[in-house]
Every structure is written in C-alpha cells, then in structure tokens.
Amino acid sequence: MSKFAVLYSSLHSFIKPLTVALHERDSHTHSHCDRVVDVSERLGRQCALTEDDIELLKIGAAFHDIGKIGIPDNVLLKPGSFDPPEWAVMKTHAEIGERIVRGIDAEGVDEVANSVRCHHEYFNGGGYPDGLSGEAIPIYARILSITDSFDAIVMTRNYHRARSCKETLDILQQEEGTKHDPFLLRQFFTMIERA
C-alpha cells in the first residue's frame, strides 16, 4: 500500500466527521462534495495520474468546500444571488478550508490544503484567493476547478436551474483557457464522451 493510500485511510477518520458537520450546515454542499470526489477520481485516472496522486486528489475533493462550515448562514443558505459584500464573504471559504485541513496532523496534508485553497483559481489568473495562473495552480486544484464547476452547473442551485449535460459542457468549453486548464478540460471532455 502506498504512503498516500495510508494517508487517505488515516484522513478518512477526519473526512467523515468533518463532512457530517458540513452536512448538518448544508446538506447540498455535502452531496456536491461526494459527487466531486467521484468525478475527480475519474478525471485523475483519465489523466493517468499515479495512484498516490489520485488518493490526494480524492482527499482534496472531499474537503474542497469544507470551509463553508465557517460561512454565516445568511450567506451560505441565501436563496438567491449574492451582493458584492456577501460574495466577498463566500469567497473566504477557500482560505477557511485550507486552515481546517492544515489543522490535521498527517503527512501529505500540505498538498491537500493547497488544493482546497486554490480550487477557485483561474487558469488566466482571474480567480481567488491568490490570483495564481497556469501551472502555478496545483494540478489537483486545476482538476477540482473543472469537476466542481461541472457539478455546480449540472445540478440545481439556489441561484440557477440545473443545466443539461450538453449545456454544461458548452459552458465549460467557453471557459477553456480562462477559468480552466485547456489540457485538463480536453481530458475531461474525452472522459465524458467515453462514459
């Protein structure tokens, strides 16, 4: 068993209670994280990541929105679009999530914490919280950007209706090179075509 499979096993004891806590705050986000884990693993395999990388990717996917635990209810559970101050609060979930993950004392936590922090960075540098671009964004975070966006668009949210798979893929295609890594997005499209 690889050291990261051992890490995944040991972090699983943290994943479960933290995701239960997230479920108690926002069951929609909890279900979203479960789906993102599954799609991220499939995309990681499509990209020929090593088993160690896939284990770290799955942990990052499980924790990617854990920071929403720290978002006030009036923002987290708002049944509509955010105004600019609310959006500024919501964007802090990436940094809160990083701090939560860094609180876990286990090998490999830095990679997971970085993927949680950076999953809303844009390939062109227009994302948050650090304005990273291109390959300066950790690969796990670049994968999570795609799988998180896919699930967020294809499912009904407080602020939009569910979109069809074709509509969702069209939206992702429009974000190639701006929000999403072009190579990883092509791998994602190939994975979807093979499903």
N, C-alpha and C. Protein backbone atom coordinates (compact mmCIF):
# COMPACT_ATOMS: atom_id res chain seq x y z
N MET A 1 0.85 -1.18 0.00
CA MET A 1 0.00 0.00 0.00
C MET A 1 0.89 1.24 0.00
N SER A 2 0.60 2.21 -0.86
CA SER A 2 1.41 3.42 -0.94
C SER A 2 1.22 4.27 0.30
N LYS A 3 2.19 5.19 0.52
CA LYS A 3 2.09 6.06 1.70
C LYS A 3 0.87 6.95 1.61
N PHE A 4 0.45 7.32 0.38
CA PHE A 4 -0.71 8.19 0.26
C PHE A 4 -2.01 7.41 0.42
N ALA A 5 -1.99 6.12 0.10
CA ALA A 5 -3.17 5.29 0.40
C ALA A 5 -3.32 5.19 1.91
N VAL A 6 -2.18 5.08 2.62
CA VAL A 6 -2.22 5.07 4.09
C VAL A 6 -2.73 6.41 4.59
N LEU A 7 -2.24 7.51 3.97
CA LEU A 7 -2.72 8.84 4.34
C LEU A 7 -4.22 8.94 4.13
N TYR A 8 -4.69 8.48 2.96
CA TYR A 8 -6.12 8.54 2.68
C TYR A 8 -6.89 7.77 3.74
N SER A 9 -6.37 6.62 4.12
CA SER A 9 -7.02 5.81 5.14
C SER A 9 -7.06 6.55 6.48
N SER A 10 -5.93 7.17 6.85
CA SER A 10 -5.91 7.88 8.13
C SER A 10 -6.75 9.15 8.08
N LEU A 11 -6.72 9.86 6.95
CA LEU A 11 -7.53 11.07 6.85
C LEU A 11 -9.02 10.76 6.75
N HIS A 12 -9.35 9.54 6.33
CA HIS A 12 -10.76 9.17 6.26
C HIS A 12 -11.43 9.35 7.62
N SER A 13 -10.66 9.10 8.69
CA SER A 13 -11.22 9.29 10.03
C SER A 13 -11.54 10.76 10.29
N PHE A 14 -10.85 11.68 9.58
CA PHE A 14 -11.18 13.10 9.70
C PHE A 14 -12.25 13.50 8.68
N ILE A 15 -12.20 12.90 7.49
CA ILE A 15 -13.14 13.26 6.44
C ILE A 15 -14.57 13.04 6.90
N LYS A 16 -14.83 11.87 7.48
CA LYS A 16 -16.20 11.55 7.83
C LYS A 16 -16.81 12.54 8.82
N PRO A 17 -16.18 12.82 9.99
CA PRO A 17 -16.84 13.77 10.90
C PRO A 17 -16.94 15.19 10.34
N LEU A 18 -15.92 15.61 9.57
CA LEU A 18 -15.99 16.95 9.01
C LEU A 18 -17.07 17.05 7.94
N THR A 19 -17.23 16.01 7.14
CA THR A 19 -18.29 16.06 6.12
C THR A 19 -19.67 15.92 6.76
N VAL A 20 -19.76 15.19 7.88
CA VAL A 20 -21.03 15.14 8.61
C VAL A 20 -21.36 16.54 9.15
N ALA A 21 -20.33 17.23 9.68
CA ALA A 21 -20.54 18.60 10.17
C ALA A 21 -21.01 19.50 9.02
N LEU A 22 -20.39 19.35 7.85
CA LEU A 22 -20.81 20.14 6.69
C LEU A 22 -22.25 19.80 6.30
N HIS A 23 -22.60 18.52 6.36
CA HIS A 23 -23.97 18.10 6.04
C HIS A 23 -24.97 18.76 6.99
N GLU A 24 -24.60 18.87 8.26
CA GLU A 24 -25.50 19.50 9.23
C GLU A 24 -25.71 20.98 8.91
N ARG A 25 -24.69 21.63 8.37
CA ARG A 25 -24.81 23.04 7.98
C ARG A 25 -25.52 23.18 6.65
N ASP A 26 -25.17 22.31 5.68
CA ASP A 26 -25.65 22.48 4.31
C ASP A 26 -25.59 21.14 3.59
N SER A 27 -26.68 20.42 3.59
CA SER A 27 -26.69 19.07 3.00
C SER A 27 -26.39 19.12 1.50
N HIS A 28 -26.76 20.22 0.83
CA HIS A 28 -26.48 20.34 -0.60
C HIS A 28 -24.97 20.30 -0.85
N THR A 29 -24.21 21.06 -0.06
CA THR A 29 -22.75 21.10 -0.24
C THR A 29 -22.13 19.74 0.05
N HIS A 30 -22.64 19.05 1.04
CA HIS A 30 -22.13 17.72 1.37
C HIS A 30 -22.31 16.76 0.19
N SER A 31 -23.50 16.74 -0.39
CA SER A 31 -23.77 15.87 -1.55
C SER A 31 -22.91 16.28 -2.75
N HIS A 32 -22.74 17.58 -2.93
CA HIS A 32 -21.90 18.10 -4.00
C HIS A 32 -20.47 17.58 -3.85
N CYS A 33 -19.92 17.63 -2.64
CA CYS A 33 -18.55 17.15 -2.41
C CYS A 33 -18.42 15.67 -2.74
N ASP A 34 -19.42 14.87 -2.37
CA ASP A 34 -19.38 13.44 -2.69
C ASP A 34 -19.31 13.22 -4.20
N ARG A 35 -20.11 13.98 -4.95
CA ARG A 35 -20.10 13.82 -6.41
C ARG A 35 -18.77 14.30 -7.00
N VAL A 36 -18.22 15.37 -6.46
CA VAL A 36 -16.94 15.89 -6.96
C VAL A 36 -15.81 14.88 -6.72
N VAL A 37 -15.86 14.17 -5.60
CA VAL A 37 -14.86 13.11 -5.35
C VAL A 37 -14.91 12.09 -6.48
N ASP A 38 -16.10 11.62 -6.81
CA ASP A 38 -16.24 10.58 -7.84
C ASP A 38 -15.76 11.06 -9.21
N VAL A 39 -16.19 12.24 -9.62
CA VAL A 39 -15.81 12.74 -10.93
C VAL A 39 -14.32 13.08 -10.98
N SER A 40 -13.78 13.60 -9.88
CA SER A 40 -12.35 13.93 -9.82
C SER A 40 -11.50 12.67 -9.94
N GLU A 41 -11.91 11.61 -9.27
CA GLU A 41 -11.16 10.35 -9.38
C GLU A 41 -11.16 9.87 -10.84
N ARG A 42 -12.32 9.93 -11.48
CA ARG A 42 -12.39 9.51 -12.89
C ARG A 42 -11.50 10.36 -13.77
N LEU A 43 -11.50 11.69 -13.54
CA LEU A 43 -10.66 12.57 -14.36
C LEU A 43 -9.18 12.32 -14.05
N GLY A 44 -8.85 12.09 -12.80
CA GLY A 44 -7.46 11.77 -12.46
C GLY A 44 -6.98 10.53 -13.19
N ARG A 45 -7.83 9.54 -13.27
CA ARG A 45 -7.47 8.31 -14.00
C ARG A 45 -7.36 8.58 -15.50
N GLN A 46 -8.26 9.40 -16.03
CA GLN A 46 -8.19 9.78 -17.45
C GLN A 46 -6.87 10.48 -17.76
N CYS A 47 -6.37 11.25 -16.81
CA CYS A 47 -5.11 11.99 -16.98
C CYS A 47 -3.89 11.15 -16.63
N ALA A 48 -4.10 9.87 -16.32
CA ALA A 48 -3.02 8.93 -15.99
C ALA A 48 -2.22 9.37 -14.78
N LEU A 49 -2.90 9.96 -13.78
CA LEU A 49 -2.22 10.28 -12.53
C LEU A 49 -1.84 8.99 -11.83
N THR A 50 -0.82 9.06 -11.00
CA THR A 50 -0.43 7.90 -10.21
C THR A 50 -1.49 7.62 -9.15
N GLU A 51 -1.46 6.43 -8.59
CA GLU A 51 -2.40 6.11 -7.52
C GLU A 51 -2.23 7.05 -6.33
N ASP A 52 -0.96 7.41 -6.02
CA ASP A 52 -0.73 8.36 -4.93
C ASP A 52 -1.41 9.69 -5.22
N ASP A 53 -1.25 10.19 -6.45
CA ASP A 53 -1.88 11.45 -6.83
C ASP A 53 -3.40 11.35 -6.76
N ILE A 54 -3.94 10.23 -7.18
CA ILE A 54 -5.40 10.05 -7.14
C ILE A 54 -5.90 10.05 -5.70
N GLU A 55 -5.16 9.42 -4.80
CA GLU A 55 -5.57 9.44 -3.39
C GLU A 55 -5.59 10.86 -2.85
N LEU A 56 -4.55 11.65 -3.14
CA LEU A 56 -4.51 13.05 -2.68
C LEU A 56 -5.61 13.87 -3.33
N LEU A 57 -5.87 13.63 -4.61
CA LEU A 57 -6.94 14.32 -5.31
C LEU A 57 -8.30 14.03 -4.66
N LYS A 58 -8.55 12.78 -4.33
CA LYS A 58 -9.82 12.41 -3.70
C LYS A 58 -9.99 13.08 -2.34
N ILE A 59 -8.90 13.17 -1.57
CA ILE A 59 -8.98 13.84 -0.27
C ILE A 59 -9.29 15.33 -0.48
N GLY A 60 -8.57 15.95 -1.42
CA GLY A 60 -8.83 17.35 -1.72
C GLY A 60 -10.26 17.58 -2.18
N ALA A 61 -10.78 16.67 -3.00
CA ALA A 61 -12.17 16.78 -3.47
C ALA A 61 -13.15 16.66 -2.31
N ALA A 62 -12.87 15.74 -1.39
CA ALA A 62 -13.76 15.57 -0.23
C ALA A 62 -13.79 16.82 0.63
N PHE A 63 -12.65 17.49 0.74
CA PHE A 63 -12.52 18.66 1.60
C PHE A 63 -12.68 19.99 0.88
N HIS A 64 -12.86 20.01 -0.45
CA HIS A 64 -12.71 21.27 -1.18
C HIS A 64 -13.65 22.38 -0.71
N ASP A 65 -14.83 22.05 -0.22
CA ASP A 65 -15.77 23.06 0.26
C ASP A 65 -15.96 23.03 1.77
N ILE A 66 -15.06 22.37 2.49
CA ILE A 66 -15.21 22.24 3.95
C ILE A 66 -15.21 23.61 4.62
N GLY A 67 -14.56 24.58 4.00
CA GLY A 67 -14.54 25.93 4.56
C GLY A 67 -15.90 26.59 4.65
N LYS A 68 -16.89 26.05 3.95
CA LYS A 68 -18.24 26.62 4.03
C LYS A 68 -18.83 26.44 5.42
N ILE A 69 -18.23 25.57 6.23
CA ILE A 69 -18.64 25.46 7.64
C ILE A 69 -18.52 26.82 8.32
N GLY A 70 -17.52 27.62 7.91
CA GLY A 70 -17.27 28.91 8.54
C GLY A 70 -18.00 30.09 7.91
N ILE A 71 -18.88 29.84 6.95
CA ILE A 71 -19.62 30.92 6.30
C ILE A 71 -20.95 31.12 7.04
N PRO A 72 -21.28 32.37 7.40
CA PRO A 72 -22.54 32.62 8.12
C PRO A 72 -23.76 32.13 7.33
N ASP A 73 -24.77 31.68 8.05
CA ASP A 73 -25.98 31.15 7.43
C ASP A 73 -26.64 32.13 6.46
N ASN A 74 -26.64 33.43 6.81
CA ASN A 74 -27.33 34.39 5.95
C ASN A 74 -26.68 34.48 4.56
N VAL A 75 -25.43 34.04 4.45
CA VAL A 75 -24.76 33.99 3.15
C VAL A 75 -24.84 32.57 2.59
N LEU A 76 -24.41 31.59 3.37
CA LEU A 76 -24.35 30.21 2.90
C LEU A 76 -25.70 29.70 2.41
N LEU A 77 -26.74 30.03 3.12
CA LEU A 77 -28.06 29.48 2.81
C LEU A 77 -28.97 30.47 2.08
N LYS A 78 -28.41 31.55 1.59
CA LYS A 78 -29.21 32.57 0.90
C LYS A 78 -29.85 31.97 -0.36
N PRO A 79 -31.16 32.14 -0.54
CA PRO A 79 -31.84 31.55 -1.70
C PRO A 79 -31.81 32.42 -2.96
N GLY A 80 -30.68 33.00 -3.25
CA GLY A 80 -30.57 33.84 -4.43
C GLY A 80 -29.13 34.25 -4.65
N SER A 81 -28.94 35.18 -5.56
CA SER A 81 -27.59 35.66 -5.88
C SER A 81 -27.02 36.49 -4.73
N PHE A 82 -25.70 36.50 -4.64
CA PHE A 82 -25.02 37.29 -3.62
C PHE A 82 -24.80 38.72 -4.09
N ASP A 83 -24.93 39.67 -3.15
CA ASP A 83 -24.47 41.03 -3.44
C ASP A 83 -22.95 41.05 -3.23
N PRO A 84 -22.26 42.11 -3.64
CA PRO A 84 -20.79 42.12 -3.54
C PRO A 84 -20.24 41.82 -2.14
N PRO A 85 -20.78 42.40 -1.06
CA PRO A 85 -20.24 42.05 0.26
C PRO A 85 -20.47 40.57 0.63
N GLU A 86 -21.61 40.02 0.26
CA GLU A 86 -21.87 38.60 0.53
C GLU A 86 -20.93 37.72 -0.29
N TRP A 87 -20.68 38.11 -1.54
CA TRP A 87 -19.78 37.34 -2.39
C TRP A 87 -18.37 37.35 -1.80
N ALA A 88 -17.95 38.48 -1.25
CA ALA A 88 -16.63 38.58 -0.61
C ALA A 88 -16.55 37.61 0.57
N VAL A 89 -17.61 37.49 1.34
CA VAL A 89 -17.65 36.54 2.46
C VAL A 89 -17.60 35.11 1.94
N MET A 90 -18.41 34.79 0.93
CA MET A 90 -18.45 33.43 0.40
C MET A 90 -17.08 33.01 -0.13
N LYS A 91 -16.37 33.92 -0.77
CA LYS A 91 -15.06 33.59 -1.33
C LYS A 91 -14.04 33.19 -0.26
N THR A 92 -14.28 33.56 0.98
CA THR A 92 -13.33 33.19 2.05
C THR A 92 -13.36 31.71 2.37
N HIS A 93 -14.33 30.96 1.82
CA HIS A 93 -14.41 29.54 2.17
C HIS A 93 -13.17 28.76 1.74
N ALA A 94 -12.50 29.21 0.69
CA ALA A 94 -11.29 28.51 0.24
C ALA A 94 -10.17 28.64 1.28
N GLU A 95 -10.02 29.82 1.85
CA GLU A 95 -8.99 30.04 2.86
C GLU A 95 -9.37 29.37 4.19
N ILE A 96 -10.65 29.45 4.54
CA ILE A 96 -11.10 28.77 5.77
C ILE A 96 -10.87 27.27 5.63
N GLY A 97 -11.21 26.73 4.48
CA GLY A 97 -11.00 25.30 4.24
C GLY A 97 -9.54 24.91 4.36
N GLU A 98 -8.67 25.74 3.79
CA GLU A 98 -7.23 25.46 3.91
C GLU A 98 -6.82 25.40 5.37
N ARG A 99 -7.28 26.36 6.18
CA ARG A 99 -6.92 26.37 7.61
C ARG A 99 -7.44 25.13 8.32
N ILE A 100 -8.65 24.70 8.00
CA ILE A 100 -9.22 23.49 8.61
C ILE A 100 -8.35 22.29 8.27
N VAL A 101 -8.00 22.13 7.00
CA VAL A 101 -7.20 20.98 6.57
C VAL A 101 -5.82 21.02 7.22
N ARG A 102 -5.22 22.21 7.29
CA ARG A 102 -3.88 22.32 7.90
C ARG A 102 -3.91 21.97 9.38
N GLY A 103 -5.08 21.97 9.99
CA GLY A 103 -5.21 21.58 11.38
C GLY A 103 -5.09 20.08 11.60
N ILE A 104 -5.07 19.31 10.51
CA ILE A 104 -4.92 17.85 10.59
C ILE A 104 -3.43 17.53 10.57
N ASP A 105 -2.99 16.75 11.53
CA ASP A 105 -1.57 16.39 11.63
C ASP A 105 -1.34 15.07 10.92
N ALA A 106 -1.02 15.16 9.63
CA ALA A 106 -0.76 13.95 8.84
C ALA A 106 0.11 14.29 7.66
N GLU A 107 0.90 13.35 7.22
CA GLU A 107 1.74 13.53 6.04
C GLU A 107 0.86 13.71 4.81
N GLY A 108 1.26 14.64 3.94
CA GLY A 108 0.51 14.89 2.72
C GLY A 108 -0.53 15.97 2.85
N VAL A 109 -0.70 16.49 4.07
CA VAL A 109 -1.73 17.50 4.31
C VAL A 109 -1.45 18.79 3.53
N ASP A 110 -0.18 19.14 3.32
CA ASP A 110 0.12 20.37 2.59
C ASP A 110 -0.45 20.35 1.18
N GLU A 111 -0.31 19.22 0.48
CA GLU A 111 -0.84 19.11 -0.88
C GLU A 111 -2.36 19.26 -0.89
N VAL A 112 -3.00 18.62 0.09
CA VAL A 112 -4.46 18.69 0.17
C VAL A 112 -4.89 20.12 0.50
N ALA A 113 -4.23 20.74 1.48
CA ALA A 113 -4.58 22.11 1.88
C ALA A 113 -4.41 23.07 0.72
N ASN A 114 -3.35 22.91 -0.06
CA ASN A 114 -3.13 23.78 -1.22
C ASN A 114 -4.21 23.59 -2.28
N SER A 115 -4.66 22.36 -2.49
CA SER A 115 -5.72 22.14 -3.49
C SER A 115 -7.03 22.75 -3.02
N VAL A 116 -7.31 22.67 -1.71
CA VAL A 116 -8.52 23.29 -1.17
C VAL A 116 -8.45 24.80 -1.33
N ARG A 117 -7.32 25.39 -0.99
CA ARG A 117 -7.16 26.85 -1.11
C ARG A 117 -7.30 27.32 -2.55
N CYS A 118 -6.80 26.55 -3.50
CA CYS A 118 -6.65 27.03 -4.89
C CYS A 118 -7.73 26.54 -5.85
N HIS A 119 -8.77 25.87 -5.37
CA HIS A 119 -9.72 25.28 -6.32
C HIS A 119 -10.58 26.31 -7.05
N HIS A 120 -10.52 27.59 -6.64
CA HIS A 120 -11.22 28.65 -7.38
C HIS A 120 -10.26 29.59 -8.09
N GLU A 121 -9.00 29.20 -8.22
CA GLU A 121 -8.07 29.97 -9.03
C GLU A 121 -8.41 29.72 -10.50
N TYR A 122 -8.22 30.72 -11.33
CA TYR A 122 -8.50 30.60 -12.77
C TYR A 122 -7.20 30.43 -13.53
N PHE A 123 -7.25 29.66 -14.58
CA PHE A 123 -6.05 29.41 -15.38
C PHE A 123 -5.43 30.71 -15.90
N ASN A 124 -6.26 31.73 -16.14
CA ASN A 124 -5.75 33.01 -16.64
C ASN A 124 -5.36 33.98 -15.53
N GLY A 125 -5.45 33.55 -14.28
CA GLY A 125 -5.07 34.40 -13.15
C GLY A 125 -6.20 35.21 -12.56
N GLY A 126 -7.41 35.05 -13.06
CA GLY A 126 -8.53 35.86 -12.60
C GLY A 126 -9.31 35.29 -11.43
N GLY A 127 -8.83 34.21 -10.83
CA GLY A 127 -9.57 33.59 -9.74
C GLY A 127 -9.16 34.11 -8.37
N TYR A 128 -9.52 33.34 -7.34
CA TYR A 128 -9.20 33.73 -5.96
C TYR A 128 -8.76 32.50 -5.17
N PRO A 129 -8.06 32.66 -4.05
CA PRO A 129 -7.78 33.90 -3.32
C PRO A 129 -6.47 34.59 -3.70
N ASP A 130 -5.61 33.95 -4.49
CA ASP A 130 -4.27 34.48 -4.71
C ASP A 130 -3.99 34.98 -6.12
N GLY A 131 -4.93 34.81 -7.05
CA GLY A 131 -4.71 35.23 -8.42
C GLY A 131 -3.62 34.44 -9.13
N LEU A 132 -3.46 33.16 -8.75
CA LEU A 132 -2.48 32.30 -9.41
C LEU A 132 -2.94 32.02 -10.84
N SER A 133 -1.99 31.64 -11.70
CA SER A 133 -2.36 31.32 -13.07
C SER A 133 -1.57 30.12 -13.57
N GLY A 134 -2.08 29.51 -14.65
CA GLY A 134 -1.41 28.42 -15.32
C GLY A 134 -0.99 27.31 -14.37
N GLU A 135 0.22 26.81 -14.59
CA GLU A 135 0.70 25.68 -13.80
C GLU A 135 1.18 26.07 -12.42
N ALA A 136 1.11 27.35 -12.07
CA ALA A 136 1.35 27.76 -10.68
C ALA A 136 0.22 27.27 -9.78
N ILE A 137 -0.92 26.97 -10.39
CA ILE A 137 -2.06 26.40 -9.65
C ILE A 137 -1.79 24.91 -9.52
N PRO A 138 -1.85 24.36 -8.30
CA PRO A 138 -1.60 22.92 -8.15
C PRO A 138 -2.52 22.09 -9.06
N ILE A 139 -2.00 21.00 -9.59
CA ILE A 139 -2.78 20.19 -10.54
C ILE A 139 -4.07 19.68 -9.91
N TYR A 140 -4.04 19.30 -8.63
CA TYR A 140 -5.28 18.82 -8.02
C TYR A 140 -6.33 19.93 -8.04
N ALA A 141 -5.92 21.17 -7.77
CA ALA A 141 -6.85 22.30 -7.78
C ALA A 141 -7.37 22.57 -9.19
N ARG A 142 -6.51 22.41 -10.22
CA ARG A 142 -6.97 22.61 -11.60
C ARG A 142 -8.00 21.55 -11.99
N ILE A 143 -7.81 20.34 -11.50
CA ILE A 143 -8.81 19.28 -11.74
C ILE A 143 -10.10 19.61 -10.99
N LEU A 144 -9.96 20.01 -9.73
CA LEU A 144 -11.15 20.34 -8.92
C LEU A 144 -11.93 21.50 -9.52
N SER A 145 -11.24 22.45 -10.13
CA SER A 145 -11.93 23.57 -10.77
C SER A 145 -12.92 23.06 -11.82
N ILE A 146 -12.49 22.08 -12.60
CA ILE A 146 -13.35 21.53 -13.65
C ILE A 146 -14.49 20.70 -13.05
N THR A 147 -14.16 19.78 -12.16
CA THR A 147 -15.18 18.87 -11.63
C THR A 147 -16.17 19.61 -10.72
N ASP A 148 -15.68 20.59 -9.97
CA ASP A 148 -16.54 21.41 -9.13
C ASP A 148 -17.49 22.22 -10.01
N SER A 149 -16.96 22.85 -11.06
CA SER A 149 -17.81 23.63 -11.97
C SER A 149 -18.84 22.75 -12.66
N PHE A 150 -18.42 21.59 -13.15
CA PHE A 150 -19.34 20.69 -13.83
C PHE A 150 -20.53 20.36 -12.93
N ASP A 151 -20.23 19.94 -11.69
CA ASP A 151 -21.32 19.55 -10.79
C ASP A 151 -22.18 20.75 -10.42
N ALA A 152 -21.56 21.91 -10.20
CA ALA A 152 -22.33 23.09 -9.82
C ALA A 152 -23.29 23.52 -10.92
N ILE A 153 -22.90 23.33 -12.18
CA ILE A 153 -23.74 23.76 -13.30
C ILE A 153 -24.84 22.73 -13.60
N VAL A 154 -24.50 21.46 -13.53
CA VAL A 154 -25.44 20.42 -13.95
C VAL A 154 -26.52 20.16 -12.88
N MET A 155 -26.29 20.65 -11.65
CA MET A 155 -27.26 20.46 -10.57
C MET A 155 -28.00 21.77 -10.31
N THR A 156 -29.23 21.67 -9.81
CA THR A 156 -29.99 22.86 -9.43
C THR A 156 -29.32 23.49 -8.21
N ARG A 157 -29.15 24.81 -8.25
CA ARG A 157 -28.59 25.57 -7.14
C ARG A 157 -29.59 26.64 -6.74
N ASN A 158 -29.33 27.29 -5.61
CA ASN A 158 -30.22 28.38 -5.16
C ASN A 158 -30.37 29.46 -6.21
N TYR A 159 -29.32 29.64 -7.01
CA TYR A 159 -29.27 30.78 -7.91
C TYR A 159 -29.41 30.41 -9.39
N HIS A 160 -29.59 29.13 -9.73
CA HIS A 160 -29.85 28.76 -11.13
C HIS A 160 -30.46 27.37 -11.23
N ARG A 161 -31.12 27.14 -12.35
CA ARG A 161 -31.72 25.84 -12.63
C ARG A 161 -30.63 24.86 -13.05
N ALA A 162 -30.93 23.58 -12.96
CA ALA A 162 -30.00 22.57 -13.47
C ALA A 162 -29.90 22.70 -14.98
N ARG A 163 -28.71 22.52 -15.50
CA ARG A 163 -28.50 22.57 -16.95
C ARG A 163 -28.29 21.15 -17.45
N SER A 164 -28.58 20.92 -18.71
CA SER A 164 -28.33 19.62 -19.31
C SER A 164 -26.83 19.40 -19.40
N CYS A 165 -26.45 18.15 -19.64
CA CYS A 165 -25.02 17.84 -19.79
C CYS A 165 -24.45 18.62 -20.97
N LYS A 166 -25.17 18.69 -22.08
CA LYS A 166 -24.67 19.42 -23.26
C LYS A 166 -24.50 20.90 -22.94
N GLU A 167 -25.49 21.52 -22.28
CA GLU A 167 -25.37 22.94 -21.92
C GLU A 167 -24.16 23.15 -21.00
N THR A 168 -23.98 22.23 -20.06
CA THR A 168 -22.87 22.34 -19.11
C THR A 168 -21.53 22.25 -19.83
N LEU A 169 -21.40 21.29 -20.73
CA LEU A 169 -20.16 21.14 -21.49
C LEU A 169 -19.90 22.37 -22.36
N ASP A 170 -20.96 22.96 -22.92
CA ASP A 170 -20.79 24.18 -23.71
C ASP A 170 -20.26 25.33 -22.84
N ILE A 171 -20.78 25.44 -21.62
CA ILE A 171 -20.31 26.48 -20.70
C ILE A 171 -18.84 26.25 -20.36
N LEU A 172 -18.50 25.00 -20.02
CA LEU A 172 -17.10 24.69 -19.69
C LEU A 172 -16.18 24.99 -20.88
N GLN A 173 -16.64 24.66 -22.09
CA GLN A 173 -15.85 24.93 -23.29
C GLN A 173 -15.56 26.42 -23.43
N GLN A 174 -16.55 27.25 -23.12
CA GLN A 174 -16.36 28.70 -23.20
C GLN A 174 -15.34 29.19 -22.17
N GLU A 175 -15.14 28.42 -21.09
CA GLU A 175 -14.21 28.82 -20.02
C GLU A 175 -12.80 28.25 -20.23
N GLU A 176 -12.59 27.53 -21.33
CA GLU A 176 -11.27 26.95 -21.61
C GLU A 176 -10.23 28.06 -21.75
N GLY A 177 -9.14 27.90 -21.00
CA GLY A 177 -8.05 28.86 -21.08
C GLY A 177 -8.24 30.09 -20.22
N THR A 178 -9.48 30.37 -19.83
CA THR A 178 -9.71 31.47 -18.90
C THR A 178 -9.84 30.90 -17.50
N LYS A 179 -10.90 30.15 -17.27
CA LYS A 179 -11.08 29.52 -15.95
C LYS A 179 -10.35 28.19 -15.87
N HIS A 180 -10.40 27.41 -16.93
CA HIS A 180 -9.92 26.03 -16.86
C HIS A 180 -8.68 25.77 -17.72
N ASP A 181 -7.86 24.85 -17.22
CA ASP A 181 -6.66 24.38 -17.91
C ASP A 181 -7.10 23.68 -19.20
N PRO A 182 -6.66 24.16 -20.37
CA PRO A 182 -7.11 23.57 -21.64
C PRO A 182 -6.82 22.07 -21.77
N PHE A 183 -5.63 21.64 -21.36
CA PHE A 183 -5.29 20.22 -21.47
C PHE A 183 -6.21 19.38 -20.59
N LEU A 184 -6.39 19.79 -19.34
CA LEU A 184 -7.23 19.01 -18.43
C LEU A 184 -8.69 19.04 -18.88
N LEU A 185 -9.14 20.15 -19.43
CA LEU A 185 -10.52 20.23 -19.91
C LEU A 185 -10.73 19.28 -21.10
N ARG A 186 -9.75 19.18 -21.99
CA ARG A 186 -9.86 18.22 -23.10
C ARG A 186 -9.93 16.79 -22.57
N GLN A 187 -9.14 16.50 -21.54
CA GLN A 187 -9.20 15.17 -20.92
C GLN A 187 -10.58 14.92 -20.31
N PHE A 188 -11.15 15.96 -19.71
CA PHE A 188 -12.49 15.84 -19.13
C PHE A 188 -13.52 15.53 -20.22
N PHE A 189 -13.45 16.26 -21.34
CA PHE A 189 -14.40 16.01 -22.44
C PHE A 189 -14.25 14.58 -22.97
N THR A 190 -13.02 14.12 -23.09
CA THR A 190 -12.78 12.73 -23.55
C THR A 190 -13.39 11.75 -22.57
N MET A 191 -13.22 12.01 -21.28
CA MET A 191 -13.79 11.13 -20.25
C MET A 191 -15.32 11.09 -20.35
N ILE A 192 -15.93 12.24 -20.55
CA ILE A 192 -17.41 12.31 -20.67
C ILE A 192 -17.88 11.57 -21.91
N GLU A 193 -17.16 11.72 -23.00
CA GLU A 193 -17.55 11.03 -24.25
C GLU A 193 -17.48 9.53 -24.10
N ARG A 194 -16.53 9.04 -23.28
CA ARG A 194 -16.37 7.60 -23.10
C ARG A 194 -17.35 7.01 -22.10
N ALA A 195 -18.03 7.88 -21.34
CA ALA A 195 -18.93 7.38 -20.28
C ALA A 195 -20.19 6.77 -20.87
